[in-house]
Amino acid sequence: MTVFFMLCFTKPESIVRLLRAGMITLLTVLVSPMATAQAEGGIQITSIKLEAADDGYQFDADFEITLNHKLEYALEKGIVLYFVTELNLMNSRWYWLDERIAHSRVREGLSYYALTRQYRLSRGALSQNFGTLKEALQALSRVRNRPIIASSEVKQNTEYTVELRMRLDIAALPKPFQVETLGGSKEWDLSSGILRWNTILPPQRHSGSNTP
């Protein structure tokens, strides 16, 4: 995996000045997809952007998702595939374990209905139908305006570690398939892996503020 960072987060004064001036886009990550992913299935992170939102932060991300033949077959047989997208904002502490100060975790189900020959992507009570698997995967791969929920105080001008991952939720599979994964089968192990980077967050926008 080749990763190109659009900004270097070594905290030079020029970057800090740009952040203070209101730059909300902190990071764009470009990942070259692996050739084997097309045949074996996989998830690649292609871009990620963090920005300030009203009274908090949010992020956009793009993934490239390819299902292998076994996963496509399971989908056609009525098995719901659940995908989890997770982002953690971590405060590194030399004297103790790292502290998670903010996070986002969303679980989405991908299913196929043979009667209507449609694919469905659902999140909670919300769902959307698609005519092809390609369209459904494209919708799943585009994360937009996803809120990041703070559990502790988020400070400006402080460097944090960000962790991003999308994975197939193996624990949500029917028991026989979970047993197969325990047997060492890699065909169900679909994950982007965890992408980590350090960054300084821009100033927060507050409700009612006139700041653009």
C-alpha atoms as a PDB file:
ATOM      1  CA  MET A   1       0.000   0.000   0.000  1.00  0.00           C
ATOM      2  CA  THR A   2       1.397   3.373  -1.043  1.00  0.00           C
ATOM      3  CA  VAL A   3       0.167   6.379   0.918  1.00  0.00           C
ATOM      4  CA  PHE A   4       0.699   9.994  -0.081  1.00  0.00           C
ATOM      5  CA  PHE A   5       0.047  12.718   2.488  1.00  0.00           C
ATOM      6  CA  MET A   6      -0.940  16.102   1.116  1.00  0.00           C
ATOM      7  CA  LEU A   7       0.299  17.802   4.279  1.00  0.00           C
ATOM      8  CA  CYS A   8       3.277  16.981   6.478  1.00  0.00           C
ATOM      9  CA  PHE A   9       2.297  17.009  10.154  1.00  0.00           C
ATOM     10  CA  THR A  10       5.657  17.795  11.714  1.00  0.00           C
ATOM     11  CA  LYS A  11       4.048  20.948  13.157  1.00  0.00           C
ATOM     12  CA  PRO A  12       5.995  23.639  11.256  1.00  0.00           C
ATOM     13  CA  GLU A  13       4.855  27.155  12.070  1.00  0.00           C
ATOM     14  CA  SER A  14       3.549  27.679   8.538  1.00  0.00           C
ATOM     15  CA  ILE A  15       1.015  24.868   8.891  1.00  0.00           C
ATOM     16  CA  VAL A  16      -0.129  26.123  12.280  1.00  0.00           C
ATOM     17  CA  ARG A  17      -0.724  29.557  10.787  1.00  0.00           C
ATOM     18  CA  LEU A  18      -2.777  28.040   7.978  1.00  0.00           C
ATOM     19  CA  LEU A  19      -4.890  26.126  10.462  1.00  0.00           C
ATOM     20  CA  ARG A  20      -5.470  29.228  12.557  1.00  0.00           C
ATOM     21  CA  ALA A  21      -6.486  31.095   9.402  1.00  0.00           C
ATOM     22  CA  GLY A  22      -9.441  28.787   9.034  1.00  0.00           C
ATOM     23  CA  MET A  23      -8.246  25.935   6.859  1.00  0.00           C
ATOM     24  CA  ILE A  24     -10.672  23.098   7.608  1.00  0.00           C
ATOM     25  CA  THR A  25      -9.297  20.387   5.383  1.00  0.00           C
ATOM     26  CA  LEU A  26      -6.521  18.705   7.301  1.00  0.00           C
ATOM     27  CA  LEU A  27      -5.665  15.650   5.335  1.00  0.00           C
ATOM     28  CA  THR A  28      -6.221  13.943   2.035  1.00  0.00           C
ATOM     29  CA  VAL A  29      -4.867  10.434   1.754  1.00  0.00           C
ATOM     30  CA  LEU A  30      -4.468   8.741  -1.593  1.00  0.00           C
ATOM     31  CA  VAL A  31      -3.999   5.002  -1.590  1.00  0.00           C
ATOM     32  CA  SER A  32      -3.099   3.025  -4.677  1.00  0.00           C
ATOM     33  CA  PRO A  33      -5.350  -0.071  -4.785  1.00  0.00           C
ATOM     34  CA  MET A  34      -3.711  -3.461  -4.786  1.00  0.00           C
ATOM     35  CA  ALA A  35      -4.071  -5.432  -8.003  1.00  0.00           C
ATOM     36  CA  THR A  36      -4.923  -8.597  -6.088  1.00  0.00           C
ATOM     37  CA  ALA A  37      -7.879  -6.902  -4.380  1.00  0.00           C
ATOM     38  CA  GLN A  38      -9.918  -7.174  -7.558  1.00  0.00           C
ATOM     39  CA  ALA A  39      -9.713 -10.959  -7.516  1.00  0.00           C
ATOM     40  CA  GLU A  40      -9.600 -11.702  -3.796  1.00  0.00           C
ATOM     41  CA  GLY A  41     -11.784  -8.907  -2.496  1.00  0.00           C
ATOM     42  CA  GLY A  42     -10.692  -6.145  -0.184  1.00  0.00           C
ATOM     43  CA  ILE A  43     -11.225  -2.633   1.163  1.00  0.00           C
ATOM     44  CA  GLN A  44      -8.875   0.224   0.340  1.00  0.00           C
ATOM     45  CA  ILE A  45      -8.962   3.717   1.840  1.00  0.00           C
ATOM     46  CA  THR A  46      -8.624   6.193  -1.030  1.00  0.00           C
ATOM     47  CA  SER A  47      -9.214   9.547   0.703  1.00  0.00           C
ATOM     48  CA  ILE A  48     -10.009  11.039   4.105  1.00  0.00           C
ATOM     49  CA  LYS A  49     -10.797  14.606   5.148  1.00  0.00           C
ATOM     50  CA  LEU A  50     -11.445  16.001   8.638  1.00  0.00           C
ATOM     51  CA  GLU A  51     -13.161  19.327   9.140  1.00  0.00           C
ATOM     52  CA  ALA A  52     -14.801  21.484  11.754  1.00  0.00           C
ATOM     53  CA  ALA A  53     -18.597  21.374  12.025  1.00  0.00           C
ATOM     54  CA  ASP A  54     -21.131  23.147  14.199  1.00  0.00           C
ATOM     55  CA  ASP A  55     -20.017  22.499  17.796  1.00  0.00           C
ATOM     56  CA  GLY A  56     -17.725  19.648  16.827  1.00  0.00           C
ATOM     57  CA  TYR A  57     -16.011  17.799  14.007  1.00  0.00           C
ATOM     58  CA  GLN A  58     -16.954  15.562  11.104  1.00  0.00           C
ATOM     59  CA  PHE A  59     -15.184  13.643   8.350  1.00  0.00           C
ATOM     60  CA  ASP A  60     -15.526  12.532   4.748  1.00  0.00           C
ATOM     61  CA  ALA A  61     -13.905   9.359   3.470  1.00  0.00           C
ATOM     62  CA  ASP A  62     -13.804   7.314   0.294  1.00  0.00           C
ATOM     63  CA  PHE A  63     -13.113   3.600   0.091  1.00  0.00           C
ATOM     64  CA  GLU A  64     -12.727   1.078  -2.704  1.00  0.00           C
ATOM     65  CA  ILE A  65     -14.682  -2.074  -1.793  1.00  0.00           C
ATOM     66  CA  THR A  66     -14.428  -5.327  -3.737  1.00  0.00           C
ATOM     67  CA  LEU A  67     -16.218  -8.517  -2.704  1.00  0.00           C
ATOM     68  CA  ASN A  68     -14.699 -11.894  -3.467  1.00  0.00           C
ATOM     69  CA  HIS A  69     -16.768 -14.659  -5.061  1.00  0.00           C
ATOM     70  CA  LYS A  70     -17.642 -16.272  -1.725  1.00  0.00           C
ATOM     71  CA  LEU A  71     -19.037 -13.042  -0.294  1.00  0.00           C
ATOM     72  CA  GLU A  72     -21.033 -12.351  -3.455  1.00  0.00           C
ATOM     73  CA  TYR A  73     -22.455 -15.885  -3.318  1.00  0.00           C
ATOM     74  CA  ALA A  74     -23.411 -15.503   0.360  1.00  0.00           C
ATOM     75  CA  LEU A  75     -25.101 -12.203  -0.451  1.00  0.00           C
ATOM     76  CA  GLU A  76     -27.138 -13.791  -3.252  1.00  0.00           C
ATOM     77  CA  LYS A  77     -28.225 -16.556  -0.871  1.00  0.00           C
ATOM     78  CA  GLY A  78     -29.745 -14.066   1.556  1.00  0.00           C
ATOM     79  CA  ILE A  79     -26.860 -13.467   3.983  1.00  0.00           C
ATOM     80  CA  VAL A  80     -26.692  -9.859   5.188  1.00  0.00           C
ATOM     81  CA  LEU A  81     -23.148  -8.457   5.196  1.00  0.00           C
ATOM     82  CA  TYR A  82     -22.586  -5.819   7.866  1.00  0.00           C
ATOM     83  CA  PHE A  83     -19.809  -3.267   7.411  1.00  0.00           C
ATOM     84  CA  VAL A  84     -18.463  -1.116  10.238  1.00  0.00           C
ATOM     85  CA  THR A  85     -16.714   2.209   9.642  1.00  0.00           C
ATOM     86  CA  GLU A  86     -14.727   3.433  12.657  1.00  0.00           C
ATOM     87  CA  LEU A  87     -12.751   6.584  13.307  1.00  0.00           C
ATOM     88  CA  ASN A  88     -10.985   7.265  16.617  1.00  0.00           C
ATOM     89  CA  LEU A  89      -9.283  10.431  17.787  1.00  0.00           C
ATOM     90  CA  MET A  90      -6.553   9.467  20.250  1.00  0.00           C
ATOM     91  CA  ASN A  91      -4.494  11.485  22.703  1.00  0.00           C
ATOM     92  CA  SER A  92      -1.048   9.917  23.012  1.00  0.00           C
ATOM     93  CA  ARG A  93       0.257   9.739  26.590  1.00  0.00           C
ATOM     94  CA  TRP A  94       3.842   8.690  27.299  1.00  0.00           C
ATOM     95  CA  TYR A  95       3.054   7.864  30.928  1.00  0.00           C
ATOM     96  CA  TRP A  96      -0.059   5.712  30.320  1.00  0.00           C
ATOM     97  CA  LEU A  97      -2.221   4.101  27.662  1.00  0.00           C
ATOM     98  CA  ASP A  98      -3.440   6.355  24.868  1.00  0.00           C
ATOM     99  CA  GLU A  99      -6.773   8.054  25.577  1.00  0.00           C
ATOM    100  CA  ARG A 100      -9.638   7.994  23.085  1.00  0.00           C
ATOM    101  CA  ILE A 101     -11.210  11.445  23.202  1.00  0.00           C
ATOM    102  CA  ALA A 102     -13.599  11.218  20.224  1.00  0.00           C
ATOM    103  CA  HIS A 103     -14.957   8.535  17.939  1.00  0.00           C
ATOM    104  CA  SER A 104     -17.369   7.610  15.166  1.00  0.00           C
ATOM    105  CA  ARG A 105     -18.745   4.111  14.621  1.00  0.00           C
ATOM    106  CA  VAL A 106     -21.426   3.310  12.035  1.00  0.00           C
ATOM    107  CA  ARG A 107     -22.694  -0.157  11.079  1.00  0.00           C
ATOM    108  CA  GLU A 108     -24.353  -0.646   7.688  1.00  0.00           C
ATOM    109  CA  GLY A 109     -26.001  -3.771   6.305  1.00  0.00           C
ATOM    110  CA  LEU A 110     -25.748  -4.865   2.676  1.00  0.00           C
ATOM    111  CA  SER A 111     -28.374  -7.370   1.516  1.00  0.00           C
ATOM    112  CA  TYR A 112     -29.887  -8.788  -1.673  1.00  0.00           C
ATOM    113  CA  TYR A 113     -33.563  -9.488  -2.359  1.00  0.00           C
ATOM    114  CA  ALA A 114     -33.981 -12.150  -5.033  1.00  0.00           C
ATOM    115  CA  LEU A 115     -37.696 -11.423  -5.485  1.00  0.00           C
ATOM    116  CA  THR A 116     -37.098  -7.835  -6.608  1.00  0.00           C
ATOM    117  CA  ARG A 117     -33.495  -8.426  -7.781  1.00  0.00           C
ATOM    118  CA  GLN A 118     -32.368  -5.408  -5.812  1.00  0.00           C
ATOM    119  CA  TYR A 119     -29.580  -4.731  -3.349  1.00  0.00           C
ATOM    120  CA  ARG A 120     -30.330  -2.848  -0.155  1.00  0.00           C
ATOM    121  CA  LEU A 121     -28.037  -0.758   1.997  1.00  0.00           C
ATOM    122  CA  SER A 122     -29.420  -0.076   5.469  1.00  0.00           C
ATOM    123  CA  ARG A 123     -28.299   1.915   8.487  1.00  0.00           C
ATOM    124  CA  GLY A 124     -30.631   1.792  11.459  1.00  0.00           C
ATOM    125  CA  ALA A 125     -34.146   2.584  10.237  1.00  0.00           C
ATOM    126  CA  LEU A 126     -32.845   4.113   6.990  1.00  0.00           C
ATOM    127  CA  SER A 127     -32.430   2.061   3.821  1.00  0.00           C
ATOM    128  CA  GLN A 128     -31.830   2.559   0.108  1.00  0.00           C
ATOM    129  CA  ASN A 129     -32.287   0.160  -2.809  1.00  0.00           C
ATOM    130  CA  PHE A 130     -29.975  -0.301  -5.795  1.00  0.00           C
ATOM    131  CA  GLY A 131     -30.300  -2.131  -9.075  1.00  0.00           C
ATOM    132  CA  THR A 132     -26.745  -3.498  -9.089  1.00  0.00           C
ATOM    133  CA  LEU A 133     -24.125  -4.571  -6.578  1.00  0.00           C
ATOM    134  CA  LYS A 134     -21.701  -2.025  -8.042  1.00  0.00           C
ATOM    135  CA  GLU A 135     -24.087   0.834  -7.238  1.00  0.00           C
ATOM    136  CA  ALA A 136     -24.646  -0.436  -3.694  1.00  0.00           C
ATOM    137  CA  LEU A 137     -20.900  -0.732  -3.039  1.00  0.00           C
ATOM    138  CA  GLN A 138     -20.302   2.748  -4.439  1.00  0.00           C
ATOM    139  CA  ALA A 139     -22.847   4.177  -1.985  1.00  0.00           C
ATOM    140  CA  LEU A 140     -21.280   2.219   0.887  1.00  0.00           C
ATOM    141  CA  SER A 141     -17.822   3.448  -0.056  1.00  0.00           C
ATOM    142  CA  ARG A 142     -18.744   7.170   0.101  1.00  0.00           C
ATOM    143  CA  VAL A 143     -18.808   8.522   3.662  1.00  0.00           C
ATOM    144  CA  ARG A 144     -19.977  12.114   3.879  1.00  0.00           C
ATOM    145  CA  ASN A 145     -20.452  14.533   6.807  1.00  0.00           C
ATOM    146  CA  ARG A 146     -20.053  11.731   9.359  1.00  0.00           C
ATOM    147  CA  PRO A 147     -20.122  13.250  12.891  1.00  0.00           C
ATOM    148  CA  ILE A 148     -17.274  12.580  15.322  1.00  0.00           C
ATOM    149  CA  ILE A 149     -18.578  12.289  18.883  1.00  0.00           C
ATOM    150  CA  ALA A 150     -16.319  13.730  21.598  1.00  0.00           C
ATOM    151  CA  SER A 151     -16.073  11.898  24.928  1.00  0.00           C
ATOM    152  CA  SER A 152     -13.484  14.299  26.396  1.00  0.00           C
ATOM    153  CA  GLU A 153     -12.432  17.886  25.794  1.00  0.00           C
ATOM    154  CA  VAL A 154     -10.943  18.372  22.327  1.00  0.00           C
ATOM    155  CA  LYS A 155      -8.243  21.044  22.372  1.00  0.00           C
ATOM    156  CA  GLN A 156      -6.970  23.212  19.540  1.00  0.00           C
ATOM    157  CA  ASN A 157      -3.238  23.480  18.794  1.00  0.00           C
ATOM    158  CA  THR A 158      -2.787  19.967  20.179  1.00  0.00           C
ATOM    159  CA  GLU A 159      -1.562  17.055  18.107  1.00  0.00           C
ATOM    160  CA  TYR A 160      -3.799  13.971  18.088  1.00  0.00           C
ATOM    161  CA  THR A 161      -3.568  10.574  16.452  1.00  0.00           C
ATOM    162  CA  VAL A 162      -6.404   9.656  14.097  1.00  0.00           C
ATOM    163  CA  GLU A 163      -7.298   6.032  13.327  1.00  0.00           C
ATOM    164  CA  LEU A 164      -9.602   5.038  10.458  1.00  0.00           C
ATOM    165  CA  ARG A 165     -10.849   1.604   9.445  1.00  0.00           C
ATOM    166  CA  MET A 166     -13.680  -0.094   7.555  1.00  0.00           C
ATOM    167  CA  ARG A 167     -14.279  -3.823   8.055  1.00  0.00           C
ATOM    168  CA  LEU A 168     -16.757  -6.605   7.524  1.00  0.00           C
ATOM    169  CA  ASP A 169     -18.383  -7.418  10.874  1.00  0.00           C
ATOM    170  CA  ILE A 170     -17.621 -11.134  11.178  1.00  0.00           C
ATOM    171  CA  ALA A 171     -19.441 -11.351  14.539  1.00  0.00           C
ATOM    172  CA  ALA A 172     -22.694 -10.490  12.734  1.00  0.00           C
ATOM    173  CA  LEU A 173     -22.442 -13.470  10.360  1.00  0.00           C
ATOM    174  CA  PRO A 174     -24.532 -16.612  10.975  1.00  0.00           C
ATOM    175  CA  LYS A 175     -22.815 -19.045  13.348  1.00  0.00           C
ATOM    176  CA  PRO A 176     -21.689 -21.577  10.672  1.00  0.00           C
ATOM    177  CA  PHE A 177     -19.785 -18.838   8.855  1.00  0.00           C
ATOM    178  CA  GLN A 178     -18.219 -17.608  12.101  1.00  0.00           C
ATOM    179  CA  VAL A 179     -16.914 -21.124  12.686  1.00  0.00           C
ATOM    180  CA  GLU A 180     -15.396 -21.081   9.206  1.00  0.00           C
ATOM    181  CA  THR A 181     -13.535 -17.859   9.981  1.00  0.00           C
ATOM    182  CA  LEU A 182     -12.176 -19.424  13.187  1.00  0.00           C
ATOM    183  CA  GLY A 183     -10.882 -22.263  11.040  1.00  0.00           C
ATOM    184  CA  GLY A 184      -8.507 -19.866   9.335  1.00  0.00           C
ATOM    185  CA  SER A 185     -10.482 -18.952   6.217  1.00  0.00           C
ATOM    186  CA  LYS A 186      -9.379 -15.547   4.940  1.00  0.00           C
ATOM    187  CA  GLU A 187     -12.279 -15.156   2.516  1.00  0.00           C
ATOM    188  CA  TRP A 188     -14.422 -13.574   5.233  1.00  0.00           C
ATOM    189  CA  ASP A 189     -11.654 -11.334   6.552  1.00  0.00           C
ATOM    190  CA  LEU A 190     -12.500  -8.136   4.687  1.00  0.00           C
ATOM    191  CA  SER A 191     -10.894  -5.041   6.197  1.00  0.00           C
ATOM    192  CA  SER A 192      -9.018  -1.910   5.190  1.00  0.00           C
ATOM    193  CA  GLY A 193      -6.676  -2.304   8.133  1.00  0.00           C
ATOM    194  CA  ILE A 194      -6.147   0.684  10.436  1.00  0.00           C
ATOM    195  CA  LEU A 195      -4.767   3.849   8.886  1.00  0.00           C
ATOM    196  CA  ARG A 196      -3.083   6.110  11.480  1.00  0.00           C
ATOM    197  CA  TRP A 197      -1.752   9.639  11.200  1.00  0.00           C
ATOM    198  CA  ASN A 198      -1.067  12.635  13.434  1.00  0.00           C
ATOM    199  CA  THR A 199      -2.798  15.963  12.958  1.00  0.00           C
ATOM    200  CA  ILE A 200      -3.735  19.272  14.587  1.00  0.00           C
ATOM    201  CA  LEU A 201      -7.446  20.051  14.520  1.00  0.00           C
ATOM    202  CA  PRO A 202      -8.760  23.375  13.188  1.00  0.00           C
ATOM    203  CA  PRO A 203     -10.797  25.715  15.415  1.00  0.00           C
ATOM    204  CA  GLN A 204     -14.340  24.531  16.057  1.00  0.00           C
ATOM    205  CA  ARG A 205     -17.332  26.291  14.532  1.00  0.00           C
ATOM    206  CA  HIS A 206     -20.049  27.175  17.009  1.00  0.00           C
ATOM    207  CA  SER A 207     -23.757  27.445  16.306  1.00  0.00           C
ATOM    208  CA  GLY A 208     -24.760  31.006  15.548  1.00  0.00           C
ATOM    209  CA  SER A 209     -21.219  32.032  14.670  1.00  0.00           C
ATOM    210  CA  ASN A 210     -20.731  34.275  11.657  1.00  0.00           C
ATOM    211  CA  THR A 211     -17.387  32.652  10.881  1.00  0.00           C
ATOM    212  CA  PRO A 212     -17.527  31.133   7.344  1.00  0.00           C
END
